[in-house]
Each structure stands twice: as structure tokens, then as C-alpha cells.
Amino acid sequence: MRPMCLTRWISVLVLLLTAHAFAATALDKPLKDLQGKPQKVSQWIGKPIVLNFWATWCEPCREETPAFVKLQKQYGDAVQFVGVAIDEAPAVTQFIKQYGVTYPILLGDADGMDMMLALGNVQGGLPFTLILDRKGHIAAQQLGVMKADAVQKALKPLIAAR
């Protein structure tokens, strides 16, 4: 292998390993729940996680929320949906009641934006959804609305892999 090719391969390998380390660290970053208690996304590692970054003022976020609520009920304990709201607690509380959200919601603010960046959303757009495997590795991601069928397709092999 030529020296330039070897250097390129090493660079790619380092980049991939670093990206995984940033993702793992991001999932350990505590965010507050609606009661003000710090929570880590990593606490749900052990089963597939649908991690959705959203805001009450985001129309595409409002569009996908009913499907996520329905899917969480459908999958029950086999999958954990987690929302990270880039918003204020009073607006989030009202939104949760309006849409019947039953899965955990964490308040993101600047820390949520940092988490999104570390997990691959360099544009900072919403909604941003990640499907994580049982070990917390990113299996799928979507910037913009993630349709129910795309969530199901991404989750199917993760649920089957026990």
C-alpha cells in the first residue's frame, strides 16, 4: 500500500473511532426532565432507543409526534422513545398534554443542541431523530420528519437481535 493511501485509511479510521467516542459521551450528558431531575439518555441503553430532538414551535416536529406516540405504545417495553425538547418547560408540558406523549422528555436548551451536534446534526435543524441499537450505537438518523415506516424499518433488525 502506498504511504498516501495508508495515511488516508488511518485518517478515516481515526475519524470513525472519534465519532463513536463523541456519540457515547453525548449520551452520558445529563439533561433535565420536566421535574428538573438530571437524566442521561445512556440510562436506556440495553434496548433500542428512538431519540428525537424537537421543539413545540417546529411544525415538522408537530407532524411526526403523533406517529411516535403511537409507535411507543405499539412497541411497549421493547423500544424506548426519548424526546429532547429544545424549548421551555411550560410550552413542553402543554405540548405533551396536547399530543398525549407518554415517553420521557428531556429539556435540551444549549446542552441539547451540543448533544445534537455530537450525534451528527451539524446543521442544527429540527426535528432530528436517531435510532440507537442496544449498545447505544447509531443505527439510523434523519434530519427532518422521520415517517413511521422508516422508524419501523430501522427498528426491525434491532428488535430481532437479542
C-alpha atoms as a PDB file:
ATOM      1  CA  MET A   1       0.000   0.000   0.000  1.00  0.00           C
ATOM      2  CA  ARG A   2       1.345   3.406  -0.896  1.00  0.00           C
ATOM      3  CA  PRO A   3       2.102   5.797   2.002  1.00  0.00           C
ATOM      4  CA  MET A   4      -0.595   8.283   0.925  1.00  0.00           C
ATOM      5  CA  CYS A   5      -3.277   5.562   0.823  1.00  0.00           C
ATOM      6  CA  LEU A   6      -2.208   4.269   4.231  1.00  0.00           C
ATOM      7  CA  THR A   7      -2.382   7.779   5.675  1.00  0.00           C
ATOM      8  CA  ARG A   8      -5.850   8.236   4.233  1.00  0.00           C
ATOM      9  CA  TRP A   9      -7.074   4.926   5.695  1.00  0.00           C
ATOM     10  CA  ILE A  10      -5.650   5.771   9.111  1.00  0.00           C
ATOM     11  CA  SER A  11      -7.338   9.183   8.991  1.00  0.00           C
ATOM     12  CA  VAL A  12     -10.698   7.607   8.159  1.00  0.00           C
ATOM     13  CA  LEU A  13     -10.298   5.047  10.945  1.00  0.00           C
ATOM     14  CA  VAL A  14      -9.434   7.745  13.497  1.00  0.00           C
ATOM     15  CA  LEU A  15     -12.416   9.820  12.377  1.00  0.00           C
ATOM     16  CA  LEU A  16     -14.796   6.873  12.760  1.00  0.00           C
ATOM     17  CA  LEU A  17     -13.459   5.962  16.196  1.00  0.00           C
ATOM     18  CA  THR A  18     -13.629   9.573  17.338  1.00  0.00           C
ATOM     19  CA  ALA A  19     -17.214   9.951  16.117  1.00  0.00           C
ATOM     20  CA  HIS A  20     -18.224   6.878  18.137  1.00  0.00           C
ATOM     21  CA  ALA A  21     -16.496   8.286  21.237  1.00  0.00           C
ATOM     22  CA  PHE A  22     -18.315  11.628  20.842  1.00  0.00           C
ATOM     23  CA  ALA A  23     -21.661   9.820  20.487  1.00  0.00           C
ATOM     24  CA  ALA A  24     -21.043   7.701  23.588  1.00  0.00           C
ATOM     25  CA  THR A  25     -20.029  10.780  25.582  1.00  0.00           C
ATOM     26  CA  ALA A  26     -23.057  12.733  24.340  1.00  0.00           C
ATOM     27  CA  LEU A  27     -25.439  10.047  25.601  1.00  0.00           C
ATOM     28  CA  ASP A  28     -23.895  10.393  29.082  1.00  0.00           C
ATOM     29  CA  LYS A  29     -24.501  14.154  29.200  1.00  0.00           C
ATOM     30  CA  PRO A  30     -27.283  14.807  31.746  1.00  0.00           C
ATOM     31  CA  LEU A  31     -30.297  16.826  30.650  1.00  0.00           C
ATOM     32  CA  LYS A  32     -33.112  17.828  32.995  1.00  0.00           C
ATOM     33  CA  ASP A  33     -36.523  16.221  32.825  1.00  0.00           C
ATOM     34  CA  LEU A  34     -39.690  18.254  33.371  1.00  0.00           C
ATOM     35  CA  GLN A  35     -39.317  17.851  37.144  1.00  0.00           C
ATOM     36  CA  GLY A  36     -35.805  19.335  36.986  1.00  0.00           C
ATOM     37  CA  LYS A  37     -34.096  16.000  37.681  1.00  0.00           C
ATOM     38  CA  PRO A  38     -30.945  15.254  35.634  1.00  0.00           C
ATOM     39  CA  GLN A  39     -31.350  12.267  33.292  1.00  0.00           C
ATOM     40  CA  LYS A  40     -28.912  10.627  30.883  1.00  0.00           C
ATOM     41  CA  VAL A  41     -30.022   9.075  27.596  1.00  0.00           C
ATOM     42  CA  SER A  42     -27.480   6.324  28.327  1.00  0.00           C
ATOM     43  CA  GLN A  43     -29.728   5.030  31.131  1.00  0.00           C
ATOM     44  CA  TRP A  44     -31.949   3.471  28.439  1.00  0.00           C
ATOM     45  CA  ILE A  45     -29.109   1.629  26.697  1.00  0.00           C
ATOM     46  CA  GLY A  46     -29.900  -2.075  26.689  1.00  0.00           C
ATOM     47  CA  LYS A  47     -32.822  -1.787  24.309  1.00  0.00           C
ATOM     48  CA  PRO A  48     -33.271   0.086  21.044  1.00  0.00           C
ATOM     49  CA  ILE A  49     -33.803   3.828  21.533  1.00  0.00           C
ATOM     50  CA  VAL A  50     -35.585   6.305  19.292  1.00  0.00           C
ATOM     51  CA  LEU A  51     -34.019   9.638  20.270  1.00  0.00           C
ATOM     52  CA  ASN A  52     -35.947  12.593  18.882  1.00  0.00           C
ATOM     53  CA  PHE A  53     -34.829  16.229  19.126  1.00  0.00           C
ATOM     54  CA  TRP A  54     -37.764  18.586  18.642  1.00  0.00           C
ATOM     55  CA  ALA A  55     -39.432  21.864  19.666  1.00  0.00           C
ATOM     56  CA  THR A  56     -43.030  22.958  20.203  1.00  0.00           C
ATOM     57  CA  TRP A  57     -42.691  25.735  17.600  1.00  0.00           C
ATOM     58  CA  CYS A  58     -41.363  23.322  14.942  1.00  0.00           C
ATOM     59  CA  GLU A  59     -44.156  22.375  12.513  1.00  0.00           C
ATOM     60  CA  PRO A  60     -42.417  19.212  11.191  1.00  0.00           C
ATOM     61  CA  CYS A  61     -41.905  18.148  14.837  1.00  0.00           C
ATOM     62  CA  ARG A  62     -45.643  18.521  15.448  1.00  0.00           C
ATOM     63  CA  GLU A  63     -46.269  16.454  12.324  1.00  0.00           C
ATOM     64  CA  GLU A  64     -44.218  13.441  13.447  1.00  0.00           C
ATOM     65  CA  THR A  65     -45.128  13.396  17.159  1.00  0.00           C
ATOM     66  CA  PRO A  66     -48.465  11.509  16.846  1.00  0.00           C
ATOM     67  CA  ALA A  67     -46.694   8.680  14.982  1.00  0.00           C
ATOM     68  CA  PHE A  68     -44.002   8.466  17.680  1.00  0.00           C
ATOM     69  CA  VAL A  69     -46.658   8.334  20.422  1.00  0.00           C
ATOM     70  CA  LYS A  70     -48.440   5.529  18.553  1.00  0.00           C
ATOM     71  CA  LEU A  71     -45.205   3.603  17.909  1.00  0.00           C
ATOM     72  CA  GLN A  72     -44.122   3.816  21.573  1.00  0.00           C
ATOM     73  CA  LYS A  73     -47.456   2.279  22.573  1.00  0.00           C
ATOM     74  CA  GLN A  74     -47.114  -0.368  19.857  1.00  0.00           C
ATOM     75  CA  TYR A  75     -43.578  -1.407  20.848  1.00  0.00           C
ATOM     76  CA  GLY A  76     -44.098  -1.095  24.611  1.00  0.00           C
ATOM     77  CA  ASP A  77     -41.038  -2.094  26.614  1.00  0.00           C
ATOM     78  CA  ALA A  78     -39.177  -3.463  23.566  1.00  0.00           C
ATOM     79  CA  VAL A  79     -38.157   0.049  22.450  1.00  0.00           C
ATOM     80  CA  GLN A  80     -37.589   3.274  24.369  1.00  0.00           C
ATOM     81  CA  PHE A  81     -38.594   6.552  22.771  1.00  0.00           C
ATOM     82  CA  VAL A  82     -36.934   9.632  24.302  1.00  0.00           C
ATOM     83  CA  GLY A  83     -37.650  13.216  23.320  1.00  0.00           C
ATOM     84  CA  VAL A  84     -35.211  16.080  23.781  1.00  0.00           C
ATOM     85  CA  ALA A  85     -37.124  19.348  23.628  1.00  0.00           C
ATOM     86  CA  ILE A  86     -35.194  22.414  22.532  1.00  0.00           C
ATOM     87  CA  ASP A  87     -37.744  24.576  24.277  1.00  0.00           C
ATOM     88  CA  GLU A  88     -39.013  25.969  27.592  1.00  0.00           C
ATOM     89  CA  ALA A  89     -40.656  23.690  30.190  1.00  0.00           C
ATOM     90  CA  PRO A  90     -44.125  25.353  30.234  1.00  0.00           C
ATOM     91  CA  ALA A  91     -44.519  25.065  26.454  1.00  0.00           C
ATOM     92  CA  VAL A  92     -43.239  21.471  26.527  1.00  0.00           C
ATOM     93  CA  THR A  93     -45.665  20.495  29.305  1.00  0.00           C
ATOM     94  CA  GLN A  94     -48.592  21.882  27.320  1.00  0.00           C
ATOM     95  CA  PHE A  95     -47.387  20.116  24.152  1.00  0.00           C
ATOM     96  CA  ILE A  96     -47.091  16.764  25.959  1.00  0.00           C
ATOM     97  CA  LYS A  97     -50.667  17.046  27.219  1.00  0.00           C
ATOM     98  CA  GLN A  98     -51.979  18.114  23.820  1.00  0.00           C
ATOM     99  CA  TYR A  99     -50.300  15.222  21.961  1.00  0.00           C
ATOM    100  CA  GLY A 100     -50.593  12.552  24.676  1.00  0.00           C
ATOM    101  CA  VAL A 101     -46.841  11.943  24.853  1.00  0.00           C
ATOM    102  CA  THR A 102     -46.094   9.177  27.365  1.00  0.00           C
ATOM    103  CA  TYR A 103     -42.386   8.611  26.746  1.00  0.00           C
ATOM    104  CA  PRO A 104     -39.644  10.517  28.630  1.00  0.00           C
ATOM    105  CA  ILE A 105     -38.999  14.110  27.597  1.00  0.00           C
ATOM    106  CA  LEU A 106     -35.788  15.906  28.491  1.00  0.00           C
ATOM    107  CA  LEU A 107     -35.180  19.645  28.213  1.00  0.00           C
ATOM    108  CA  GLY A 108     -32.315  20.377  25.858  1.00  0.00           C
ATOM    109  CA  ASP A 109     -31.550  24.087  25.661  1.00  0.00           C
ATOM    110  CA  ALA A 110     -27.879  24.683  24.736  1.00  0.00           C
ATOM    111  CA  ASP A 111     -26.833  21.270  26.086  1.00  0.00           C
ATOM    112  CA  GLY A 112     -29.383  19.602  23.805  1.00  0.00           C
ATOM    113  CA  MET A 113     -28.006  21.491  20.825  1.00  0.00           C
ATOM    114  CA  ASP A 114     -24.479  20.388  21.780  1.00  0.00           C
ATOM    115  CA  MET A 115     -25.719  16.801  22.046  1.00  0.00           C
ATOM    116  CA  MET A 116     -27.300  17.010  18.582  1.00  0.00           C
ATOM    117  CA  LEU A 117     -24.027  18.284  17.139  1.00  0.00           C
ATOM    118  CA  ALA A 118     -22.038  15.497  18.803  1.00  0.00           C
ATOM    119  CA  LEU A 119     -24.515  12.953  17.420  1.00  0.00           C
ATOM    120  CA  GLY A 120     -24.129  14.187  13.852  1.00  0.00           C
ATOM    121  CA  ASN A 121     -26.575  17.057  13.339  1.00  0.00           C
ATOM    122  CA  VAL A 122     -24.048  19.656  12.213  1.00  0.00           C
ATOM    123  CA  GLN A 123     -26.803  21.818  10.681  1.00  0.00           C
ATOM    124  CA  GLY A 124     -28.698  22.128  13.966  1.00  0.00           C
ATOM    125  CA  GLY A 125     -32.057  21.575  12.257  1.00  0.00           C
ATOM    126  CA  LEU A 126     -35.193  20.105  13.796  1.00  0.00           C
ATOM    127  CA  PRO A 127     -36.594  17.559  14.025  1.00  0.00           C
ATOM    128  CA  PHE A 128     -33.594  15.280  14.288  1.00  0.00           C
ATOM    129  CA  THR A 129     -34.160  11.613  15.069  1.00  0.00           C
ATOM    130  CA  LEU A 130     -31.681   8.862  15.829  1.00  0.00           C
ATOM    131  CA  ILE A 131     -32.327   5.156  16.128  1.00  0.00           C
ATOM    132  CA  LEU A 132     -29.807   3.647  18.544  1.00  0.00           C
ATOM    133  CA  ASP A 133     -29.096  -0.059  18.937  1.00  0.00           C
ATOM    134  CA  ARG A 134     -28.954  -1.848  22.304  1.00  0.00           C
ATOM    135  CA  LYS A 135     -25.360  -0.677  22.811  1.00  0.00           C
ATOM    136  CA  GLY A 136     -26.124   2.972  22.047  1.00  0.00           C
ATOM    137  CA  HIS A 137     -24.603   2.942  18.557  1.00  0.00           C
ATOM    138  CA  ILE A 138     -26.341   4.948  15.852  1.00  0.00           C
ATOM    139  CA  ALA A 139     -28.216   2.587  13.526  1.00  0.00           C
ATOM    140  CA  ALA A 140     -30.149   5.274  11.616  1.00  0.00           C
ATOM    141  CA  GLN A 141     -30.652   9.023  11.656  1.00  0.00           C
ATOM    142  CA  GLN A 142     -32.933  11.516   9.985  1.00  0.00           C
ATOM    143  CA  LEU A 143     -32.818  15.294   9.831  1.00  0.00           C
ATOM    144  CA  GLY A 144     -36.404  16.337   9.149  1.00  0.00           C
ATOM    145  CA  VAL A 145     -39.584  14.335   9.600  1.00  0.00           C
ATOM    146  CA  MET A 146     -38.980  10.625  10.155  1.00  0.00           C
ATOM    147  CA  LYS A 147     -42.023   8.709   8.973  1.00  0.00           C
ATOM    148  CA  ALA A 148     -43.406   5.788  10.985  1.00  0.00           C
ATOM    149  CA  ASP A 149     -42.469   3.237   8.311  1.00  0.00           C
ATOM    150  CA  ALA A 150     -38.831   4.430   8.353  1.00  0.00           C
ATOM    151  CA  VAL A 151     -38.736   4.081  12.156  1.00  0.00           C
ATOM    152  CA  GLN A 152     -40.212   0.571  11.935  1.00  0.00           C
ATOM    153  CA  LYS A 153     -37.776  -0.449   9.191  1.00  0.00           C
ATOM    154  CA  ALA A 154     -34.801   0.755  11.266  1.00  0.00           C
ATOM    155  CA  LEU A 155     -36.080  -0.896  14.460  1.00  0.00           C
ATOM    156  CA  LYS A 156     -36.953  -4.293  12.981  1.00  0.00           C
ATOM    157  CA  PRO A 157     -33.401  -5.752  12.913  1.00  0.00           C
ATOM    158  CA  LEU A 158     -32.563  -4.129  16.257  1.00  0.00           C
ATOM    159  CA  ILE A 159     -35.519  -5.757  17.989  1.00  0.00           C
ATOM    160  CA  ALA A 160     -34.768  -9.118  16.354  1.00  0.00           C
ATOM    161  CA  ALA A 161     -31.119  -9.005  17.529  1.00  0.00           C
ATOM    162  CA  ARG A 162     -31.397 -10.149  21.114  1.00  0.00           C
END
